[in-house]
Amino acid sequence: MADSPHADVRITVNVVYLARLREAFGRGDERIALAARSDVAARSDVAALLDDLRRRGEPWSRELAPGRAYRVAVNHEVVGNDATLHDGDEIALLPPVTGG
């Protein structure tokens, strides 16, 4: 059977949780498989990753709620929710850091 444009294509990313998020989630990192858009190349976006994480329930839905203070970096570059993710990317979720 020929490949369908709607085939179940997945990418795997490494997600790193920093500071309060590491403590809230009880882990520093994990590998996550995401459904990918199969239109030009296997890829997804930050918004889809965040939606998947929020669907886990508490504490994910609380800590990653819209309007909650945190940033997302893909391969060490801070990005917005529309940033494209590719297989093998490293995504860091980091809350704002205060210092003195």
PDB file of N, CA and C in Angstrom:
ATOM      1  N   MET A   1       0.849  -1.178   0.000  1.00  0.00           N
ATOM      2  CA  MET A   1       0.000   0.000   0.000  1.00  0.00           C
ATOM      3  C   MET A   1       0.891   1.237   0.000  1.00  0.00           C
ATOM      4  N   ALA A   2       0.557   2.216  -0.788  1.00  0.00           N
ATOM      5  CA  ALA A   2       1.351   3.444  -0.888  1.00  0.00           C
ATOM      6  C   ALA A   2       1.245   4.238   0.401  1.00  0.00           C
ATOM      7  N   ASP A   3       2.289   5.058   0.655  1.00  0.00           N
ATOM      8  CA  ASP A   3       2.253   5.904   1.844  1.00  0.00           C
ATOM      9  C   ASP A   3       1.114   6.891   1.741  1.00  0.00           C
ATOM     10  N   SER A   4       0.369   7.015   2.807  1.00  0.00           N
ATOM     11  CA  SER A   4      -0.749   7.953   2.873  1.00  0.00           C
ATOM     12  C   SER A   4      -0.255   9.276   3.428  1.00  0.00           C
ATOM     13  N   PRO A   5      -0.788  10.401   2.950  1.00  0.00           N
ATOM     14  CA  PRO A   5      -0.387  11.682   3.530  1.00  0.00           C
ATOM     15  C   PRO A   5      -0.852  11.807   4.977  1.00  0.00           C
ATOM     16  N   HIS A   6      -1.723  10.893   5.425  1.00  0.00           N
ATOM     17  CA  HIS A   6      -2.214  10.937   6.789  1.00  0.00           C
ATOM     18  C   HIS A   6      -1.602   9.831   7.645  1.00  0.00           C
ATOM     19  N   ALA A   7      -0.497   9.255   7.190  1.00  0.00           N
ATOM     20  CA  ALA A   7       0.166   8.176   7.929  1.00  0.00           C
ATOM     21  C   ALA A   7       0.590   8.676   9.301  1.00  0.00           C
ATOM     22  N   ASP A   8       0.665   7.761  10.263  1.00  0.00           N
ATOM     23  CA  ASP A   8       1.071   8.112  11.621  1.00  0.00           C
ATOM     24  C   ASP A   8       2.581   8.309  11.652  1.00  0.00           C
ATOM     25  N   VAL A   9       3.023   9.537  11.481  1.00  0.00           N
ATOM     26  CA  VAL A   9       4.427   9.882  11.501  1.00  0.00           C
ATOM     27  C   VAL A   9       4.727  10.455  12.880  1.00  0.00           C
ATOM     28  N   ARG A  10       5.822  10.002  13.489  1.00  0.00           N
ATOM     29  CA  ARG A  10       6.173  10.470  14.828  1.00  0.00           C
ATOM     30  C   ARG A  10       7.605  10.986  14.836  1.00  0.00           C
ATOM     31  N   ILE A  11       7.835  11.961  15.694  1.00  0.00           N
ATOM     32  CA  ILE A  11       9.187  12.428  15.952  1.00  0.00           C
ATOM     33  C   ILE A  11       9.451  12.248  17.446  1.00  0.00           C
ATOM     34  N   THR A  12      10.709  12.124  17.803  1.00  0.00           N
ATOM     35  CA  THR A  12      11.074  12.007  19.209  1.00  0.00           C
ATOM     36  C   THR A  12      11.959  13.188  19.577  1.00  0.00           C
ATOM     37  N   VAL A  13      11.603  13.851  20.674  1.00  0.00           N
ATOM     38  CA  VAL A  13      12.369  14.996  21.161  1.00  0.00           C
ATOM     39  C   VAL A  13      12.786  14.733  22.599  1.00  0.00           C
ATOM     40  N   ASN A  14      13.857  15.382  23.024  1.00  0.00           N
ATOM     41  CA  ASN A  14      14.300  15.297  24.409  1.00  0.00           C
ATOM     42  C   ASN A  14      13.859  16.573  25.110  1.00  0.00           C
ATOM     43  N   VAL A  15      13.059  16.425  26.167  1.00  0.00           N
ATOM     44  CA  VAL A  15      12.549  17.581  26.899  1.00  0.00           C
ATOM     45  C   VAL A  15      13.274  17.660  28.238  1.00  0.00           C
ATOM     46  N   VAL A  16      13.791  18.854  28.526  1.00  0.00           N
ATOM     47  CA  VAL A  16      14.532  19.104  29.756  1.00  0.00           C
ATOM     48  C   VAL A  16      13.712  20.082  30.603  1.00  0.00           C
ATOM     49  N   TYR A  17      13.524  19.732  31.884  1.00  0.00           N
ATOM     50  CA  TYR A  17      12.778  20.577  32.822  1.00  0.00           C
ATOM     51  C   TYR A  17      13.771  21.201  33.791  1.00  0.00           C
ATOM     52  N   LEU A  18      13.698  22.502  33.955  1.00  0.00           N
ATOM     53  CA  LEU A  18      14.644  23.211  34.801  1.00  0.00           C
ATOM     54  C   LEU A  18      13.951  23.863  36.000  1.00  0.00           C
ATOM     55  N   ALA A  19      14.732  24.076  37.061  1.00  0.00           N
ATOM     56  CA  ALA A  19      14.322  24.798  38.271  1.00  0.00           C
ATOM     57  C   ALA A  19      13.014  24.262  38.846  1.00  0.00           C
ATOM     58  N   ARG A  20      12.021  25.127  39.067  1.00  0.00           N
ATOM     59  CA  ARG A  20      10.782  24.708  39.737  1.00  0.00           C
ATOM     60  C   ARG A  20      10.047  23.642  38.945  1.00  0.00           C
ATOM     61  N   LEU A  21      10.196  23.633  37.615  1.00  0.00           N
ATOM     62  CA  LEU A  21       9.501  22.633  36.811  1.00  0.00           C
ATOM     63  C   LEU A  21      10.080  21.244  37.071  1.00  0.00           C
ATOM     64  N   ARG A  22      11.383  21.152  37.237  1.00  0.00           N
ATOM     65  CA  ARG A  22      12.011  19.869  37.565  1.00  0.00           C
ATOM     66  C   ARG A  22      11.435  19.339  38.877  1.00  0.00           C
ATOM     67  N   GLU A  23      11.295  20.203  39.852  1.00  0.00           N
ATOM     68  CA  GLU A  23      10.761  19.788  41.149  1.00  0.00           C
ATOM     69  C   GLU A  23       9.279  19.419  41.049  1.00  0.00           C
ATOM     70  N   ALA A  24       8.498  20.211  40.330  1.00  0.00           N
ATOM     71  CA  ALA A  24       7.061  19.947  40.215  1.00  0.00           C
ATOM     72  C   ALA A  24       6.781  18.640  39.484  1.00  0.00           C
ATOM     73  N   PHE A  25       7.575  18.331  38.447  1.00  0.00           N
ATOM     74  CA  PHE A  25       7.325  17.145  37.633  1.00  0.00           C
ATOM     75  C   PHE A  25       8.075  15.906  38.132  1.00  0.00           C
ATOM     76  N   GLY A  26       9.012  16.108  39.076  1.00  0.00           N
ATOM     77  CA  GLY A  26       9.739  14.980  39.632  1.00  0.00           C
ATOM     78  C   GLY A  26      10.718  14.328  38.676  1.00  0.00           C
ATOM     79  N   ARG A  27      11.170  15.084  37.698  1.00  0.00           N
ATOM     80  CA  ARG A  27      12.162  14.564  36.745  1.00  0.00           C
ATOM     81  C   ARG A  27      12.874  15.729  36.073  1.00  0.00           C
ATOM     82  N   GLY A  28      14.085  15.480  35.624  1.00  0.00           N
ATOM     83  CA  GLY A  28      14.872  16.515  34.968  1.00  0.00           C
ATOM     84  C   GLY A  28      14.760  16.495  33.459  1.00  0.00           C
ATOM     85  N   ASP A  29      14.409  15.321  32.904  1.00  0.00           N
ATOM     86  CA  ASP A  29      14.278  15.239  31.457  1.00  0.00           C
ATOM     87  C   ASP A  29      13.532  13.966  31.076  1.00  0.00           C
ATOM     88  N   GLU A  30      13.127  13.906  29.825  1.00  0.00           N
ATOM     89  CA  GLU A  30      12.500  12.707  29.272  1.00  0.00           C
ATOM     90  C   GLU A  30      12.463  12.809  27.759  1.00  0.00           C
ATOM     91  N   ARG A  31      12.363  11.645  27.121  1.00  0.00           N
ATOM     92  CA  ARG A  31      12.186  11.595  25.672  1.00  0.00           C
ATOM     93  C   ARG A  31      10.705  11.433  25.412  1.00  0.00           C
ATOM     94  N   ILE A  32      10.189  12.214  24.467  1.00  0.00           N
ATOM     95  CA  ILE A  32       8.762  12.198  24.162  1.00  0.00           C
ATOM     96  C   ILE A  32       8.574  12.012  22.664  1.00  0.00           C
ATOM     97  N   ALA A  33       7.687  11.090  22.299  1.00  0.00           N
ATOM     98  CA  ALA A  33       7.312  10.888  20.893  1.00  0.00           C
ATOM     99  C   ALA A  33       6.066  11.723  20.630  1.00  0.00           C
ATOM    100  N   LEU A  34       6.112  12.507  19.568  1.00  0.00           N
ATOM    101  CA  LEU A  34       5.003  13.382  19.193  1.00  0.00           C
ATOM    102  C   LEU A  34       4.482  13.000  17.817  1.00  0.00           C
ATOM    103  N   ALA A  35       3.187  13.139  17.635  1.00  0.00           N
ATOM    104  CA  ALA A  35       2.633  12.995  16.292  1.00  0.00           C
ATOM    105  C   ALA A  35       3.191  14.149  15.471  1.00  0.00           C
ATOM    106  N   ALA A  36       3.566  13.856  14.241  1.00  0.00           N
ATOM    107  CA  ALA A  36       4.165  14.884  13.386  1.00  0.00           C
ATOM    108  C   ALA A  36       3.285  15.135  12.171  1.00  0.00           C
ATOM    109  N   ARG A  37       3.356  16.350  11.683  1.00  0.00           N
ATOM    110  CA  ARG A  37       2.697  16.659  10.414  1.00  0.00           C
ATOM    111  C   ARG A  37       3.519  15.982   9.334  1.00  0.00           C
ATOM    112  N   SER A  38       2.879  15.337   8.435  1.00  0.00           N
ATOM    113  CA  SER A  38       3.626  14.627   7.393  1.00  0.00           C
ATOM    114  C   SER A  38       3.610  15.372   6.078  1.00  0.00           C
ATOM    115  N   ASP A  39       3.342  16.662   6.110  1.00  0.00           N
ATOM    116  CA  ASP A  39       3.355  17.449   4.897  1.00  0.00           C
ATOM    117  C   ASP A  39       4.777  17.665   4.405  1.00  0.00           C
ATOM    118  N   VAL A  40       5.592  18.057   4.188  1.00  0.00           N
ATOM    119  CA  VAL A  40       6.932  18.208   3.674  1.00  0.00           C
ATOM    120  C   VAL A  40       7.957  17.339   4.410  1.00  0.00           C
ATOM    121  N   ALA A  41       7.965  17.368   5.703  1.00  0.00           N
ATOM    122  CA  ALA A  41       8.925  16.579   6.488  1.00  0.00           C
ATOM    123  C   ALA A  41       8.314  16.300   7.859  1.00  0.00           C
ATOM    124  N   ALA A  42       8.830  15.309   8.523  1.00  0.00           N
ATOM    125  CA  ALA A  42       8.320  14.990   9.859  1.00  0.00           C
ATOM    126  C   ALA A  42       8.682  16.125  10.809  1.00  0.00           C
ATOM    127  N   ARG A  43       7.666  16.790  11.321  1.00  0.00           N
ATOM    128  CA  ARG A  43       7.876  17.899  12.246  1.00  0.00           C
ATOM    129  C   ARG A  43       6.608  18.139  13.045  1.00  0.00           C
ATOM    130  N   SER A  44       6.750  18.859  14.123  1.00  0.00           N
ATOM    131  CA  SER A  44       5.634  19.236  14.976  1.00  0.00           C
ATOM    132  C   SER A  44       5.923  20.658  15.433  1.00  0.00           C
ATOM    133  N   ASP A  45       5.226  21.142  16.465  1.00  0.00           N
ATOM    134  CA  ASP A  45       5.553  22.467  16.983  1.00  0.00           C
ATOM    135  C   ASP A  45       5.447  22.490  18.499  1.00  0.00           C
ATOM    136  N   VAL A  46       5.946  23.574  19.080  1.00  0.00           N
ATOM    137  CA  VAL A  46       5.975  23.720  20.527  1.00  0.00           C
ATOM    138  C   VAL A  46       4.560  23.663  21.099  1.00  0.00           C
ATOM    139  N   ALA A  47       3.598  24.298  20.461  1.00  0.00           N
ATOM    140  CA  ALA A  47       2.223  24.298  20.967  1.00  0.00           C
ATOM    141  C   ALA A  47       1.689  22.876  21.108  1.00  0.00           C
ATOM    142  N   ALA A  48       1.970  22.011  20.144  1.00  0.00           N
ATOM    143  CA  ALA A  48       1.506  20.617  20.210  1.00  0.00           C
ATOM    144  C   ALA A  48       2.167  19.888  21.377  1.00  0.00           C
ATOM    145  N   LEU A  49       3.453  20.113  21.589  1.00  0.00           N
ATOM    146  CA  LEU A  49       4.149  19.494  22.715  1.00  0.00           C
ATOM    147  C   LEU A  49       3.518  19.941  24.030  1.00  0.00           C
ATOM    148  N   LEU A  50       3.314  21.245  24.193  1.00  0.00           N
ATOM    149  CA  LEU A  50       2.736  21.757  25.429  1.00  0.00           C
ATOM    150  C   LEU A  50       1.330  21.206  25.655  1.00  0.00           C
ATOM    151  N   ASP A  51       0.539  21.116  24.604  1.00  0.00           N
ATOM    152  CA  ASP A  51      -0.803  20.533  24.723  1.00  0.00           C
ATOM    153  C   ASP A  51      -0.730  19.091  25.205  1.00  0.00           C
ATOM    154  N   ASP A  52       0.179  18.313  24.640  1.00  0.00           N
ATOM    155  CA  ASP A  52       0.347  16.917  25.064  1.00  0.00           C
ATOM    156  C   ASP A  52       0.726  16.839  26.543  1.00  0.00           C
ATOM    157  N   LEU A  53       1.636  17.696  26.971  1.00  0.00           N
ATOM    158  CA  LEU A  53       2.066  17.679  28.371  1.00  0.00           C
ATOM    159  C   LEU A  53       0.923  18.087  29.300  1.00  0.00           C
ATOM    160  N   ARG A  54       0.162  19.112  28.940  1.00  0.00           N
ATOM    161  CA  ARG A  54      -0.960  19.556  29.778  1.00  0.00           C
ATOM    162  C   ARG A  54      -2.028  18.476  29.933  1.00  0.00           C
ATOM    163  N   ARG A  55      -2.211  17.666  28.909  1.00  0.00           N
ATOM    164  CA  ARG A  55      -3.213  16.598  28.976  1.00  0.00           C
ATOM    165  C   ARG A  55      -2.869  15.533  30.004  1.00  0.00           C
ATOM    166  N   ARG A  56      -1.657  15.542  30.527  1.00  0.00           N
ATOM    167  CA  ARG A  56      -1.277  14.602  31.583  1.00  0.00           C
ATOM    168  C   ARG A  56      -2.002  14.905  32.895  1.00  0.00           C
ATOM    169  N   GLY A  57      -2.566  16.095  33.024  1.00  0.00           N
ATOM    170  CA  GLY A  57      -3.227  16.493  34.271  1.00  0.00           C
ATOM    171  C   GLY A  57      -2.244  17.179  35.206  1.00  0.00           C
ATOM    172  N   GLU A  58      -2.587  17.196  36.487  1.00  0.00           N
ATOM    173  CA  GLU A  58      -1.746  17.853  37.490  1.00  0.00           C
ATOM    174  C   GLU A  58      -0.441  17.089  37.684  1.00  0.00           C
ATOM    175  N   PRO A  59       0.651  17.767  37.910  1.00  0.00           N
ATOM    176  CA  PRO A  59       0.878  19.200  37.984  1.00  0.00           C
ATOM    177  C   PRO A  59       1.140  19.853  36.626  1.00  0.00           C
ATOM    178  N   TRP A  60       1.165  19.050  35.562  1.00  0.00           N
ATOM    179  CA  TRP A  60       1.488  19.544  34.219  1.00  0.00           C
ATOM    180  C   TRP A  60       0.534  20.656  33.775  1.00  0.00           C
ATOM    181  N   SER A  61      -0.758  20.426  33.932  1.00  0.00           N
ATOM    182  CA  SER A  61      -1.741  21.405  33.464  1.00  0.00           C
ATOM    183  C   SER A  61      -1.623  22.727  34.228  1.00  0.00           C
ATOM    184  N   ARG A  62      -1.278  22.660  35.497  1.00  0.00           N
ATOM    185  CA  ARG A  62      -1.119  23.878  36.298  1.00  0.00           C
ATOM    186  C   ARG A  62       0.177  24.609  35.931  1.00  0.00           C
ATOM    187  N   GLU A  63       1.292  23.897  35.918  1.00  0.00           N
ATOM    188  CA  GLU A  63       2.595  24.535  35.694  1.00  0.00           C
ATOM    189  C   GLU A  63       2.769  25.065  34.272  1.00  0.00           C
ATOM    190  N   LEU A  64       2.095  24.442  33.295  1.00  0.00           N
ATOM    191  CA  LEU A  64       2.244  24.856  31.894  1.00  0.00           C
ATOM    192  C   LEU A  64       0.991  25.547  31.367  1.00  0.00           C
ATOM    193  N   ALA A  65       0.153  26.024  32.281  1.00  0.00           N
ATOM    194  CA  ALA A  65      -1.076  26.715  31.886  1.00  0.00           C
ATOM    195  C   ALA A  65      -0.750  27.983  31.107  1.00  0.00           C
ATOM    196  N   PRO A  66      -1.597  28.322  30.124  1.00  0.00           N
ATOM    197  CA  PRO A  66      -1.398  29.593  29.424  1.00  0.00           C
ATOM    198  C   PRO A  66      -1.366  30.742  30.436  1.00  0.00           C
ATOM    199  N   GLY A  67      -0.424  31.640  30.251  1.00  0.00           N
ATOM    200  CA  GLY A  67      -0.276  32.769  31.156  1.00  0.00           C
ATOM    201  C   GLY A  67       0.686  32.502  32.314  1.00  0.00           C
ATOM    202  N   ARG A  68       1.022  31.248  32.539  1.00  0.00           N
ATOM    203  CA  ARG A  68       1.989  30.892  33.589  1.00  0.00           C
ATOM    204  C   ARG A  68       3.385  31.272  33.097  1.00  0.00           C
ATOM    205  N   ALA A  69       4.242  31.716  34.007  1.00  0.00           N
ATOM    206  CA  ALA A  69       5.572  32.207  33.634  1.00  0.00           C
ATOM    207  C   ALA A  69       6.557  31.062  33.393  1.00  0.00           C
ATOM    208  N   TYR A  70       6.899  30.847  32.135  1.00  0.00           N
ATOM    209  CA  TYR A  70       7.967  29.931  31.748  1.00  0.00           C
ATOM    210  C   TYR A  70       8.341  30.243  30.303  1.00  0.00           C
ATOM    211  N   ARG A  71       9.511  29.809  29.914  1.00  0.00           N
ATOM    212  CA  ARG A  71       9.983  29.984  28.541  1.00  0.00           C
ATOM    213  C   ARG A  71      10.295  28.629  27.949  1.00  0.00           C
ATOM    214  N   VAL A  72      10.361  28.615  26.623  1.00  0.00           N
ATOM    215  CA  VAL A  72      10.697  27.395  25.906  1.00  0.00           C
ATOM    216  C   VAL A  72      11.907  27.688  25.023  1.00  0.00           C
ATOM    217  N   ALA A  73      12.902  26.819  25.097  1.00  0.00           N
ATOM    218  CA  ALA A  73      14.069  26.937  24.224  1.00  0.00           C
ATOM    219  C   ALA A  73      14.185  25.645  23.419  1.00  0.00           C
ATOM    220  N   VAL A  74      14.442  25.794  22.138  1.00  0.00           N
ATOM    221  CA  VAL A  74      14.679  24.646  21.262  1.00  0.00           C
ATOM    222  C   VAL A  74      16.131  24.728  20.821  1.00  0.00           C
ATOM    223  N   ASN A  75      16.874  23.686  21.154  1.00  0.00           N
ATOM    224  CA  ASN A  75      18.305  23.645  20.820  1.00  0.00           C
ATOM    225  C   ASN A  75      19.019  24.915  21.274  1.00  0.00           C
ATOM    226  N   HIS A  76      18.724  25.328  22.517  1.00  0.00           N
ATOM    227  CA  HIS A  76      19.373  26.453  23.200  1.00  0.00           C
ATOM    228  C   HIS A  76      18.959  27.823  22.674  1.00  0.00           C
ATOM    229  N   GLU A  77      17.858  27.921  21.948  1.00  0.00           N
ATOM    230  CA  GLU A  77      17.369  29.211  21.459  1.00  0.00           C
ATOM    231  C   GLU A  77      15.929  29.395  21.930  1.00  0.00           C
ATOM    232  N   VAL A  78      15.654  30.495  22.656  1.00  0.00           N
ATOM    233  CA  VAL A  78      14.305  30.763  23.144  1.00  0.00           C
ATOM    234  C   VAL A  78      13.388  31.001  21.944  1.00  0.00           C
ATOM    235  N   VAL A  79      12.226  30.317  21.967  1.00  0.00           N
ATOM    236  CA  VAL A  79      11.299  30.356  20.830  1.00  0.00           C
ATOM    237  C   VAL A  79       9.875  30.567  21.315  1.00  0.00           C
ATOM    238  N   GLY A  80       8.978  30.800  20.376  1.00  0.00           N
ATOM    239  CA  GLY A  80       7.550  30.921  20.663  1.00  0.00           C
ATOM    240  C   GLY A  80       6.844  29.594  20.436  1.00  0.00           C
ATOM    241  N   ASN A  81       5.557  29.561  20.743  1.00  0.00           N
ATOM    242  CA  ASN A  81       4.774  28.329  20.633  1.00  0.00           C
ATOM    243  C   ASN A  81       4.618  27.838  19.201  1.00  0.00           C
ATOM    244  N   ASP A  82       4.848  28.694  18.227  1.00  0.00           N
ATOM    245  CA  ASP A  82       4.701  28.283  16.831  1.00  0.00           C
ATOM    246  C   ASP A  82       6.002  27.725  16.239  1.00  0.00           C
ATOM    247  N   ALA A  83       7.050  27.638  17.062  1.00  0.00           N
ATOM    248  CA  ALA A  83       8.338  27.120  16.573  1.00  0.00           C
ATOM    249  C   ALA A  83       8.202  25.655  16.174  1.00  0.00           C
ATOM    250  N   THR A  84       8.782  25.327  15.054  1.00  0.00           N
ATOM    251  CA  THR A  84       8.747  23.964  14.532  1.00  0.00           C
ATOM    252  C   THR A  84       9.731  23.079  15.276  1.00  0.00           C
ATOM    253  N   LEU A  85       9.297  21.861  15.587  1.00  0.00           N
ATOM    254  CA  LEU A  85      10.153  20.859  16.218  1.00  0.00           C
ATOM    255  C   LEU A  85      10.485  19.776  15.212  1.00  0.00           C
ATOM    256  N   HIS A  86      11.703  19.283  15.272  1.00  0.00           N
ATOM    257  CA  HIS A  86      12.158  18.206  14.402  1.00  0.00           C
ATOM    258  C   HIS A  86      12.664  17.040  15.243  1.00  0.00           C
ATOM    259  N   ASP A  87      12.715  15.885  14.641  1.00  0.00           N
ATOM    260  CA  ASP A  87      13.200  14.697  15.322  1.00  0.00           C
ATOM    261  C   ASP A  87      14.587  14.962  15.904  1.00  0.00           C
ATOM    262  N   GLY A  88      14.763  14.638  17.184  1.00  0.00           N
ATOM    263  CA  GLY A  88      16.052  14.802  17.839  1.00  0.00           C
ATOM    264  C   GLY A  88      16.282  16.140  18.512  1.00  0.00           C
ATOM    265  N   ASP A  89      15.355  17.087  18.380  1.00  0.00           N
ATOM    266  CA  ASP A  89      15.526  18.391  19.019  1.00  0.00           C
ATOM    267  C   ASP A  89      15.554  18.261  20.539  1.00  0.00           C
ATOM    268  N   GLU A  90      16.236  19.218  21.178  1.00  0.00           N
ATOM    269  CA  GLU A  90      16.203  19.331  22.631  1.00  0.00           C
ATOM    270  C   GLU A  90      15.336  20.536  22.975  1.00  0.00           C
ATOM    271  N   ILE A  91      14.318  20.309  23.791  1.00  0.00           N
ATOM    272  CA  ILE A  91      13.408  21.372  24.209  1.00  0.00           C
ATOM    273  C   ILE A  91      13.591  21.563  25.703  1.00  0.00           C
ATOM    274  N   ALA A  92      13.937  22.774  26.115  1.00  0.00           N
ATOM    275  CA  ALA A  92      14.083  23.088  27.537  1.00  0.00           C
ATOM    276  C   ALA A  92      12.905  23.944  27.967  1.00  0.00           C
ATOM    277  N   LEU A  93      12.280  23.560  29.076  1.00  0.00           N
ATOM    278  CA  LEU A  93      11.208  24.355  29.668  1.00  0.00           C
ATOM    279  C   LEU A  93      11.792  24.977  30.921  1.00  0.00           C
ATOM    280  N   LEU A  94      11.821  26.313  30.942  1.00  0.00           N
ATOM    281  CA  LEU A  94      12.481  26.994  32.028  1.00  0.00           C
ATOM    282  C   LEU A  94      11.650  28.136  32.573  1.00  0.00           C
ATOM    283  N   PRO A  95      11.465  28.170  33.884  1.00  0.00           N
ATOM    284  CA  PRO A  95      10.773  29.298  34.493  1.00  0.00           C
ATOM    285  C   PRO A  95      11.721  30.487  34.561  1.00  0.00           C
ATOM    286  N   PRO A  96      11.171  31.682  34.747  1.00  0.00           N
ATOM    287  CA  PRO A  96      12.060  32.848  34.887  1.00  0.00           C
ATOM    288  C   PRO A  96      12.951  32.683  36.113  1.00  0.00           C
ATOM    289  N   VAL A  97      14.136  33.194  36.010  1.00  0.00           N
ATOM    290  CA  VAL A  97      15.103  33.067  37.097  1.00  0.00           C
ATOM    291  C   VAL A  97      15.285  34.434  37.734  1.00  0.00           C
ATOM    292  N   THR A  98      15.242  34.462  39.054  1.00  0.00           N
ATOM    293  CA  THR A  98      15.509  35.702  39.760  1.00  0.00           C
ATOM    294  C   THR A  98      16.808  35.532  40.527  1.00  0.00           C
ATOM    295  N   GLY A  99      17.477  36.606  40.718  1.00  0.00           N
ATOM    296  CA  GLY A  99      18.740  36.525  41.430  1.00  0.00           C
ATOM    297  C   GLY A  99      18.949  37.771  42.259  1.00  0.00           C
ATOM    298  N   GLY A 100      19.993  37.731  43.000  1.00  0.00           N
ATOM    299  CA  GLY A 100      20.236  38.890  43.833  1.00  0.00           C
ATOM    300  C   GLY A 100      21.685  39.029  44.152  1.00  0.00           C
TER     301      GLY A 100
END
